[in-house]
Amino acid sequence: IYTLAIIPLALQYTFVDGLTALGIAPAAISLSLFR
């Protein structure tokens, strides 16, 4: 049950850290806190 949707989690990690790399850290932090 716990790992049921672990595959889509790749999108969250990739794009949140991608935003941080592009200098848009506030959006990345907001998305992490939202989750």
PDB file of all heavy atoms in Angstrom:
ATOM      1  N   ILE A   1       0.838  -1.206   0.000  1.00  0.00           N
ATOM      2  CA  ILE A   1       0.000   0.000   0.000  1.00  0.00           C
ATOM      3  C   ILE A   1       0.871   1.253   0.000  1.00  0.00           C
ATOM      4  O   ILE A   1       0.645   2.192  -0.764  1.00  0.00           O
ATOM      5  CB  ILE A   1      -0.943  -0.003   1.222  1.00  0.00           C
ATOM      6  CG1 ILE A   1      -1.942  -1.152   1.128  1.00  0.00           C
ATOM      7  CG2 ILE A   1      -1.679   1.333   1.324  1.00  0.00           C
ATOM      8  CD1 ILE A   1      -2.809  -1.317   2.357  1.00  0.00           C
ATOM      9  N   TYR A   2       1.875   1.255   0.860  1.00  0.00           N
ATOM     10  CA  TYR A   2       2.708   2.439   1.046  1.00  0.00           C
ATOM     11  C   TYR A   2       3.484   2.805  -0.220  1.00  0.00           C
ATOM     12  O   TYR A   2       3.690   3.979  -0.506  1.00  0.00           O
ATOM     13  CB  TYR A   2       3.673   2.181   2.206  1.00  0.00           C
ATOM     14  CG  TYR A   2       4.351   3.420   2.732  1.00  0.00           C
ATOM     15  CD1 TYR A   2       3.695   4.244   3.645  1.00  0.00           C
ATOM     16  CD2 TYR A   2       5.631   3.766   2.334  1.00  0.00           C
ATOM     17  CE1 TYR A   2       4.303   5.387   4.139  1.00  0.00           C
ATOM     18  CE2 TYR A   2       6.258   4.906   2.821  1.00  0.00           C
ATOM     19  CZ  TYR A   2       5.586   5.709   3.729  1.00  0.00           C
ATOM     20  OH  TYR A   2       6.196   6.841   4.220  1.00  0.00           O
ATOM     21  N   THR A   3       3.892   1.805  -0.967  1.00  0.00           N
ATOM     22  CA  THR A   3       4.685   2.051  -2.188  1.00  0.00           C
ATOM     23  C   THR A   3       3.841   2.007  -3.463  1.00  0.00           C
ATOM     24  O   THR A   3       4.381   1.890  -4.563  1.00  0.00           O
ATOM     25  CB  THR A   3       5.815   1.018  -2.297  1.00  0.00           C
ATOM     26  OG1 THR A   3       5.238  -0.312  -2.328  1.00  0.00           O
ATOM     27  CG2 THR A   3       6.762   1.122  -1.117  1.00  0.00           C
ATOM     28  N   LEU A   4       2.549   2.117  -3.312  1.00  0.00           N
ATOM     29  CA  LEU A   4       1.637   1.971  -4.442  1.00  0.00           C
ATOM     30  C   LEU A   4       1.898   3.002  -5.541  1.00  0.00           C
ATOM     31  O   LEU A   4       1.796   2.698  -6.736  1.00  0.00           O
ATOM     32  CB  LEU A   4       0.191   2.094  -3.950  1.00  0.00           C
ATOM     33  CG  LEU A   4      -0.926   1.732  -4.925  1.00  0.00           C
ATOM     34  CD1 LEU A   4      -0.822   0.263  -5.326  1.00  0.00           C
ATOM     35  CD2 LEU A   4      -2.284   2.010  -4.298  1.00  0.00           C
ATOM     36  N   ALA A   5       2.241   4.224  -5.171  1.00  0.00           N
ATOM     37  CA  ALA A   5       2.437   5.299  -6.158  1.00  0.00           C
ATOM     38  C   ALA A   5       3.864   5.833  -6.117  1.00  0.00           C
ATOM     39  O   ALA A   5       4.089   7.032  -6.327  1.00  0.00           O
ATOM     40  CB  ALA A   5       1.443   6.416  -5.907  1.00  0.00           C
ATOM     41  N   ILE A   6       4.819   4.961  -5.870  1.00  0.00           N
ATOM     42  CA  ILE A   6       6.204   5.413  -5.773  1.00  0.00           C
ATOM     43  C   ILE A   6       6.766   5.840  -7.138  1.00  0.00           C
ATOM     44  O   ILE A   6       7.649   6.699  -7.215  1.00  0.00           O
ATOM     45  CB  ILE A   6       7.087   4.303  -5.142  1.00  0.00           C
ATOM     46  CG1 ILE A   6       8.462   4.883  -4.773  1.00  0.00           C
ATOM     47  CG2 ILE A   6       7.231   3.125  -6.096  1.00  0.00           C
ATOM     48  CD1 ILE A   6       9.352   3.901  -4.050  1.00  0.00           C
ATOM     49  N   ILE A   7       6.256   5.265  -8.216  1.00  0.00           N
ATOM     50  CA  ILE A   7       6.766   5.625  -9.552  1.00  0.00           C
ATOM     51  C   ILE A   7       6.490   7.087  -9.901  1.00  0.00           C
ATOM     52  O   ILE A   7       7.400   7.805 -10.337  1.00  0.00           O
ATOM     53  CB  ILE A   7       6.208   4.671 -10.623  1.00  0.00           C
ATOM     54  CG1 ILE A   7       6.728   3.244 -10.378  1.00  0.00           C
ATOM     55  CG2 ILE A   7       6.597   5.144 -12.020  1.00  0.00           C
ATOM     56  CD1 ILE A   7       6.188   2.210 -11.344  1.00  0.00           C
ATOM     57  N   PRO A   8       5.252   7.614  -9.706  1.00  0.00           N
ATOM     58  CA  PRO A   8       5.029   9.045  -9.986  1.00  0.00           C
ATOM     59  C   PRO A   8       5.852   9.979  -9.107  1.00  0.00           C
ATOM     60  O   PRO A   8       6.043  11.145  -9.459  1.00  0.00           O
ATOM     61  CB  PRO A   8       3.526   9.224  -9.713  1.00  0.00           C
ATOM     62  CG  PRO A   8       2.944   7.863  -9.855  1.00  0.00           C
ATOM     63  CD  PRO A   8       3.997   6.924  -9.380  1.00  0.00           C
ATOM     64  N   LEU A   9       6.331   9.475  -7.975  1.00  0.00           N
ATOM     65  CA  LEU A   9       7.143  10.309  -7.094  1.00  0.00           C
ATOM     66  C   LEU A   9       8.406  10.810  -7.797  1.00  0.00           C
ATOM     67  O   LEU A   9       8.970  11.844  -7.414  1.00  0.00           O
ATOM     68  CB  LEU A   9       7.520   9.516  -5.835  1.00  0.00           C
ATOM     69  CG  LEU A   9       8.225  10.288  -4.718  1.00  0.00           C
ATOM     70  CD1 LEU A   9       7.340  11.414  -4.196  1.00  0.00           C
ATOM     71  CD2 LEU A   9       8.599   9.341  -3.581  1.00  0.00           C
ATOM     72  N   ALA A  10       8.850  10.090  -8.836  1.00  0.00           N
ATOM     73  CA  ALA A  10      10.022  10.534  -9.606  1.00  0.00           C
ATOM     74  C   ALA A  10       9.801  11.914 -10.209  1.00  0.00           C
ATOM     75  O   ALA A  10      10.743  12.714 -10.316  1.00  0.00           O
ATOM     76  CB  ALA A  10      10.326   9.520 -10.708  1.00  0.00           C
ATOM     77  N   LEU A  11       8.566  12.219 -10.598  1.00  0.00           N
ATOM     78  CA  LEU A  11       8.261  13.530 -11.168  1.00  0.00           C
ATOM     79  C   LEU A  11       8.459  14.632 -10.142  1.00  0.00           C
ATOM     80  O   LEU A  11       9.028  15.688 -10.442  1.00  0.00           O
ATOM     81  CB  LEU A  11       6.826  13.548 -11.694  1.00  0.00           C
ATOM     82  CG  LEU A  11       6.498  12.561 -12.819  1.00  0.00           C
ATOM     83  CD1 LEU A  11       5.008  12.558 -13.102  1.00  0.00           C
ATOM     84  CD2 LEU A  11       7.275  12.911 -14.082  1.00  0.00           C
ATOM     85  N   GLN A  12       7.992  14.384  -8.923  1.00  0.00           N
ATOM     86  CA  GLN A  12       8.107  15.394  -7.882  1.00  0.00           C
ATOM     87  C   GLN A  12       9.559  15.696  -7.542  1.00  0.00           C
ATOM     88  O   GLN A  12       9.972  16.858  -7.470  1.00  0.00           O
ATOM     89  CB  GLN A  12       7.348  14.926  -6.635  1.00  0.00           C
ATOM     90  CG  GLN A  12       6.977  16.046  -5.680  1.00  0.00           C
ATOM     91  CD  GLN A  12       7.925  16.184  -4.512  1.00  0.00           C
ATOM     92  OE1 GLN A  12       8.767  15.328  -4.290  1.00  0.00           O
ATOM     93  NE2 GLN A  12       7.792  17.272  -3.772  1.00  0.00           N
ATOM     94  N   TYR A  13      10.367  14.665  -7.358  1.00  0.00           N
ATOM     95  CA  TYR A  13      11.778  14.861  -7.029  1.00  0.00           C
ATOM     96  C   TYR A  13      12.519  15.580  -8.162  1.00  0.00           C
ATOM     97  O   TYR A  13      13.298  16.498  -7.924  1.00  0.00           O
ATOM     98  CB  TYR A  13      12.447  13.514  -6.744  1.00  0.00           C
ATOM     99  CG  TYR A  13      12.399  13.098  -5.305  1.00  0.00           C
ATOM    100  CD1 TYR A  13      11.226  12.620  -4.739  1.00  0.00           C
ATOM    101  CD2 TYR A  13      13.525  13.182  -4.500  1.00  0.00           C
ATOM    102  CE1 TYR A  13      11.172  12.236  -3.411  1.00  0.00           C
ATOM    103  CE2 TYR A  13      13.487  12.795  -3.164  1.00  0.00           C
ATOM    104  CZ  TYR A  13      12.299  12.320  -2.621  1.00  0.00           C
ATOM    105  OH  TYR A  13      12.244  11.949  -1.298  1.00  0.00           O
ATOM    106  N   THR A  14      12.263  15.159  -9.386  1.00  0.00           N
ATOM    107  CA  THR A  14      12.969  15.738 -10.527  1.00  0.00           C
ATOM    108  C   THR A  14      12.654  17.212 -10.716  1.00  0.00           C
ATOM    109  O   THR A  14      13.550  18.045 -10.871  1.00  0.00           O
ATOM    110  CB  THR A  14      12.610  14.972 -11.818  1.00  0.00           C
ATOM    111  OG1 THR A  14      12.991  13.604 -11.675  1.00  0.00           O
ATOM    112  CG2 THR A  14      13.331  15.568 -13.020  1.00  0.00           C
ATOM    113  N   PHE A  15      11.376  17.550 -10.679  1.00  0.00           N
ATOM    114  CA  PHE A  15      10.984  18.926 -10.978  1.00  0.00           C
ATOM    115  C   PHE A  15      11.235  19.874  -9.812  1.00  0.00           C
ATOM    116  O   PHE A  15      11.581  21.042 -10.021  1.00  0.00           O
ATOM    117  CB  PHE A  15       9.522  18.969 -11.415  1.00  0.00           C
ATOM    118  CG  PHE A  15       9.279  18.268 -12.725  1.00  0.00           C
ATOM    119  CD1 PHE A  15       8.162  17.475 -12.914  1.00  0.00           C
ATOM    120  CD2 PHE A  15      10.175  18.388 -13.766  1.00  0.00           C
ATOM    121  CE1 PHE A  15       7.938  16.825 -14.119  1.00  0.00           C
ATOM    122  CE2 PHE A  15       9.974  17.752 -14.981  1.00  0.00           C
ATOM    123  CZ  PHE A  15       8.845  16.961 -15.151  1.00  0.00           C
ATOM    124  N   VAL A  16      11.071  19.403  -8.582  1.00  0.00           N
ATOM    125  CA  VAL A  16      11.331  20.272  -7.423  1.00  0.00           C
ATOM    126  C   VAL A  16      12.818  20.619  -7.348  1.00  0.00           C
ATOM    127  O   VAL A  16      13.199  21.787  -7.197  1.00  0.00           O
ATOM    128  CB  VAL A  16      10.852  19.608  -6.120  1.00  0.00           C
ATOM    129  CG1 VAL A  16      11.419  20.327  -4.906  1.00  0.00           C
ATOM    130  CG2 VAL A  16       9.333  19.613  -6.055  1.00  0.00           C
ATOM    131  N   ASP A  17      13.677  19.612  -7.461  1.00  0.00           N
ATOM    132  CA  ASP A  17      15.115  19.889  -7.440  1.00  0.00           C
ATOM    133  C   ASP A  17      15.559  20.618  -8.705  1.00  0.00           C
ATOM    134  O   ASP A  17      16.544  21.366  -8.690  1.00  0.00           O
ATOM    135  CB  ASP A  17      15.908  18.591  -7.275  1.00  0.00           C
ATOM    136  CG  ASP A  17      15.833  18.051  -5.857  1.00  0.00           C
ATOM    137  OD1 ASP A  17      15.394  18.808  -4.972  1.00  0.00           O
ATOM    138  OD2 ASP A  17      16.197  16.886  -5.624  1.00  0.00           O
ATOM    139  N   GLY A  18      14.842  20.410  -9.807  1.00  0.00           N
ATOM    140  CA  GLY A  18      15.130  21.152 -11.030  1.00  0.00           C
ATOM    141  C   GLY A  18      14.837  22.638 -10.859  1.00  0.00           C
ATOM    142  O   GLY A  18      15.601  23.487 -11.318  1.00  0.00           O
ATOM    143  N   LEU A  19      13.751  22.966 -10.179  1.00  0.00           N
ATOM    144  CA  LEU A  19      13.434  24.364  -9.906  1.00  0.00           C
ATOM    145  C   LEU A  19      14.496  25.004  -9.013  1.00  0.00           C
ATOM    146  O   LEU A  19      14.877  26.165  -9.204  1.00  0.00           O
ATOM    147  CB  LEU A  19      12.056  24.472  -9.237  1.00  0.00           C
ATOM    148  CG  LEU A  19      10.844  24.158 -10.127  1.00  0.00           C
ATOM    149  CD1 LEU A  19       9.573  24.131  -9.295  1.00  0.00           C
ATOM    150  CD2 LEU A  19      10.719  25.182 -11.248  1.00  0.00           C
ATOM    151  N   THR A  20      14.986  24.238  -8.044  1.00  0.00           N
ATOM    152  CA  THR A  20      16.058  24.745  -7.185  1.00  0.00           C
ATOM    153  C   THR A  20      17.306  25.040  -8.002  1.00  0.00           C
ATOM    154  O   THR A  20      17.962  26.077  -7.821  1.00  0.00           O
ATOM    155  CB  THR A  20      16.388  23.727  -6.083  1.00  0.00           C
ATOM    156  OG1 THR A  20      15.195  23.424  -5.339  1.00  0.00           O
ATOM    157  CG2 THR A  20      17.442  24.257  -5.136  1.00  0.00           C
ATOM    158  N   ALA A  21      17.644  24.142  -8.924  1.00  0.00           N
ATOM    159  CA  ALA A  21      18.824  24.337  -9.769  1.00  0.00           C
ATOM    160  C   ALA A  21      18.684  25.545 -10.677  1.00  0.00           C
ATOM    161  O   ALA A  21      19.679  26.199 -11.008  1.00  0.00           O
ATOM    162  CB  ALA A  21      19.072  23.086 -10.612  1.00  0.00           C
ATOM    163  N   LEU A  22      17.462  25.876 -11.070  1.00  0.00           N
ATOM    164  CA  LEU A  22      17.227  27.016 -11.955  1.00  0.00           C
ATOM    165  C   LEU A  22      17.054  28.321 -11.188  1.00  0.00           C
ATOM    166  O   LEU A  22      16.719  29.351 -11.777  1.00  0.00           O
ATOM    167  CB  LEU A  22      15.981  26.760 -12.821  1.00  0.00           C
ATOM    168  CG  LEU A  22      16.051  25.557 -13.762  1.00  0.00           C
ATOM    169  CD1 LEU A  22      14.754  25.417 -14.544  1.00  0.00           C
ATOM    170  CD2 LEU A  22      17.227  25.673 -14.710  1.00  0.00           C
ATOM    171  N   GLY A  23      17.269  28.272  -9.884  1.00  0.00           N
ATOM    172  CA  GLY A  23      17.197  29.484  -9.077  1.00  0.00           C
ATOM    173  C   GLY A  23      15.792  29.867  -8.654  1.00  0.00           C
ATOM    174  O   GLY A  23      15.553  31.013  -8.264  1.00  0.00           O
ATOM    175  N   ILE A  24      14.843  28.932  -8.715  1.00  0.00           N
ATOM    176  CA  ILE A  24      13.457  29.216  -8.314  1.00  0.00           C
ATOM    177  C   ILE A  24      13.183  28.438  -7.024  1.00  0.00           C
ATOM    178  O   ILE A  24      12.240  27.635  -6.930  1.00  0.00           O
ATOM    179  CB  ILE A  24      12.461  28.845  -9.424  1.00  0.00           C
ATOM    180  CG1 ILE A  24      12.988  29.292 -10.787  1.00  0.00           C
ATOM    181  CG2 ILE A  24      11.106  29.498  -9.187  1.00  0.00           C
ATOM    182  CD1 ILE A  24      12.108  28.901 -11.955  1.00  0.00           C
ATOM    183  N   ALA A  25      14.023  28.668  -6.032  1.00  0.00           N
ATOM    184  CA  ALA A  25      13.936  27.928  -4.768  1.00  0.00           C
ATOM    185  C   ALA A  25      12.615  28.146  -4.028  1.00  0.00           C
ATOM    186  O   ALA A  25      12.098  27.199  -3.421  1.00  0.00           O
ATOM    187  CB  ALA A  25      15.118  28.283  -3.875  1.00  0.00           C
ATOM    188  N   PRO A  26      12.041  29.367  -3.999  1.00  0.00           N
ATOM    189  CA  PRO A  26      10.766  29.535  -3.287  1.00  0.00           C
ATOM    190  C   PRO A  26       9.661  28.606  -3.789  1.00  0.00           C
ATOM    191  O   PRO A  26       8.896  28.051  -2.982  1.00  0.00           O
ATOM    192  CB  PRO A  26      10.414  31.006  -3.549  1.00  0.00           C
ATOM    193  CG  PRO A  26      11.733  31.666  -3.739  1.00  0.00           C
ATOM    194  CD  PRO A  26      12.572  30.662  -4.472  1.00  0.00           C
ATOM    195  N   ALA A  27       9.583  28.422  -5.093  1.00  0.00           N
ATOM    196  CA  ALA A  27       8.576  27.507  -5.643  1.00  0.00           C
ATOM    197  C   ALA A  27       8.877  26.074  -5.248  1.00  0.00           C
ATOM    198  O   ALA A  27       7.968  25.295  -4.926  1.00  0.00           O
ATOM    199  CB  ALA A  27       8.526  27.635  -7.160  1.00  0.00           C
ATOM    200  N   ALA A  28      10.161  25.693  -5.251  1.00  0.00           N
ATOM    201  CA  ALA A  28      10.552  24.331  -4.879  1.00  0.00           C
ATOM    202  C   ALA A  28      10.222  24.045  -3.413  1.00  0.00           C
ATOM    203  O   ALA A  28       9.682  22.977  -3.075  1.00  0.00           O
ATOM    204  CB  ALA A  28      12.043  24.132  -5.127  1.00  0.00           C
ATOM    205  N   ILE A  29      10.524  24.999  -2.546  1.00  0.00           N
ATOM    206  CA  ILE A  29      10.223  24.825  -1.117  1.00  0.00           C
ATOM    207  C   ILE A  29       8.715  24.738  -0.898  1.00  0.00           C
ATOM    208  O   ILE A  29       8.236  23.913  -0.113  1.00  0.00           O
ATOM    209  CB  ILE A  29      10.828  25.979  -0.299  1.00  0.00           C
ATOM    210  CG1 ILE A  29      12.363  25.930  -0.374  1.00  0.00           C
ATOM    211  CG2 ILE A  29      10.368  25.932   1.143  1.00  0.00           C
ATOM    212  CD1 ILE A  29      13.038  27.123   0.238  1.00  0.00           C
ATOM    213  N   SER A  30       7.971  25.566  -1.602  1.00  0.00           N
ATOM    214  CA  SER A  30       6.507  25.550  -1.464  1.00  0.00           C
ATOM    215  C   SER A  30       5.925  24.207  -1.882  1.00  0.00           C
ATOM    216  O   SER A  30       5.013  23.678  -1.220  1.00  0.00           O
ATOM    217  CB  SER A  30       5.894  26.675  -2.299  1.00  0.00           C
ATOM    218  OG  SER A  30       6.362  27.934  -1.876  1.00  0.00           O
ATOM    219  N   LEU A  31       6.434  23.635  -2.956  1.00  0.00           N
ATOM    220  CA  LEU A  31       5.940  22.336  -3.418  1.00  0.00           C
ATOM    221  C   LEU A  31       6.285  21.232  -2.430  1.00  0.00           C
ATOM    222  O   LEU A  31       5.466  20.326  -2.184  1.00  0.00           O
ATOM    223  CB  LEU A  31       6.529  22.017  -4.793  1.00  0.00           C
ATOM    224  CG  LEU A  31       5.979  22.846  -5.961  1.00  0.00           C
ATOM    225  CD1 LEU A  31       6.813  22.624  -7.212  1.00  0.00           C
ATOM    226  CD2 LEU A  31       4.519  22.497  -6.229  1.00  0.00           C
ATOM    227  N   SER A  32       7.479  21.281  -1.851  1.00  0.00           N
ATOM    228  CA  SER A  32       7.869  20.266  -0.862  1.00  0.00           C
ATOM    229  C   SER A  32       6.998  20.359   0.385  1.00  0.00           C
ATOM    230  O   SER A  32       6.535  19.335   0.913  1.00  0.00           O
ATOM    231  CB  SER A  32       9.345  20.442  -0.490  1.00  0.00           C
ATOM    232  OG  SER A  32      10.172  20.215  -1.607  1.00  0.00           O
ATOM    233  N   LEU A  33       6.762  21.572   0.867  1.00  0.00           N
ATOM    234  CA  LEU A  33       5.908  21.755   2.045  1.00  0.00           C
ATOM    235  C   LEU A  33       4.465  21.369   1.748  1.00  0.00           C
ATOM    236  O   LEU A  33       3.769  20.839   2.614  1.00  0.00           O
ATOM    237  CB  LEU A  33       5.981  23.212   2.511  1.00  0.00           C
ATOM    238  CG  LEU A  33       7.337  23.666   3.075  1.00  0.00           C
ATOM    239  CD1 LEU A  33       7.298  25.155   3.419  1.00  0.00           C
ATOM    240  CD2 LEU A  33       7.710  22.850   4.305  1.00  0.00           C
ATOM    241  N   PHE A  34       4.037  21.630   0.519  1.00  0.00           N
ATOM    242  CA  PHE A  34       2.670  21.254   0.130  1.00  0.00           C
ATOM    243  C   PHE A  34       2.476  19.746   0.228  1.00  0.00           C
ATOM    244  O   PHE A  34       1.448  19.274   0.724  1.00  0.00           O
ATOM    245  CB  PHE A  34       2.398  21.736  -1.290  1.00  0.00           C
ATOM    246  CG  PHE A  34       1.081  21.270  -1.853  1.00  0.00           C
ATOM    247  CD1 PHE A  34      -0.103  21.824  -1.421  1.00  0.00           C
ATOM    248  CD2 PHE A  34       1.044  20.273  -2.820  1.00  0.00           C
ATOM    249  CE1 PHE A  34      -1.318  21.381  -1.934  1.00  0.00           C
ATOM    250  CE2 PHE A  34      -0.165  19.836  -3.347  1.00  0.00           C
ATOM    251  CZ  PHE A  34      -1.356  20.395  -2.895  1.00  0.00           C
ATOM    252  N   ARG A  35       3.478  18.983  -0.225  1.00  0.00           N
ATOM    253  CA  ARG A  35       3.373  17.526  -0.181  1.00  0.00           C
ATOM    254  C   ARG A  35       3.407  17.004   1.251  1.00  0.00           C
ATOM    255  O   ARG A  35       2.579  16.167   1.632  1.00  0.00           O
ATOM    256  CB  ARG A  35       4.513  16.896  -0.986  1.00  0.00           C
ATOM    257  CG  ARG A  35       4.568  15.367  -0.872  1.00  0.00           C
ATOM    258  CD  ARG A  35       5.648  14.775  -1.757  1.00  0.00           C
ATOM    259  NE  ARG A  35       5.725  13.339  -1.584  1.00  0.00           N
ATOM    260  CZ  ARG A  35       6.567  12.728  -0.756  1.00  0.00           C
ATOM    261  NH1 ARG A  35       7.418  13.443  -0.034  1.00  0.00           N
ATOM    262  NH2 ARG A  35       6.573  11.408  -0.650  1.00  0.00           N
TER     263      ARG A  35
END
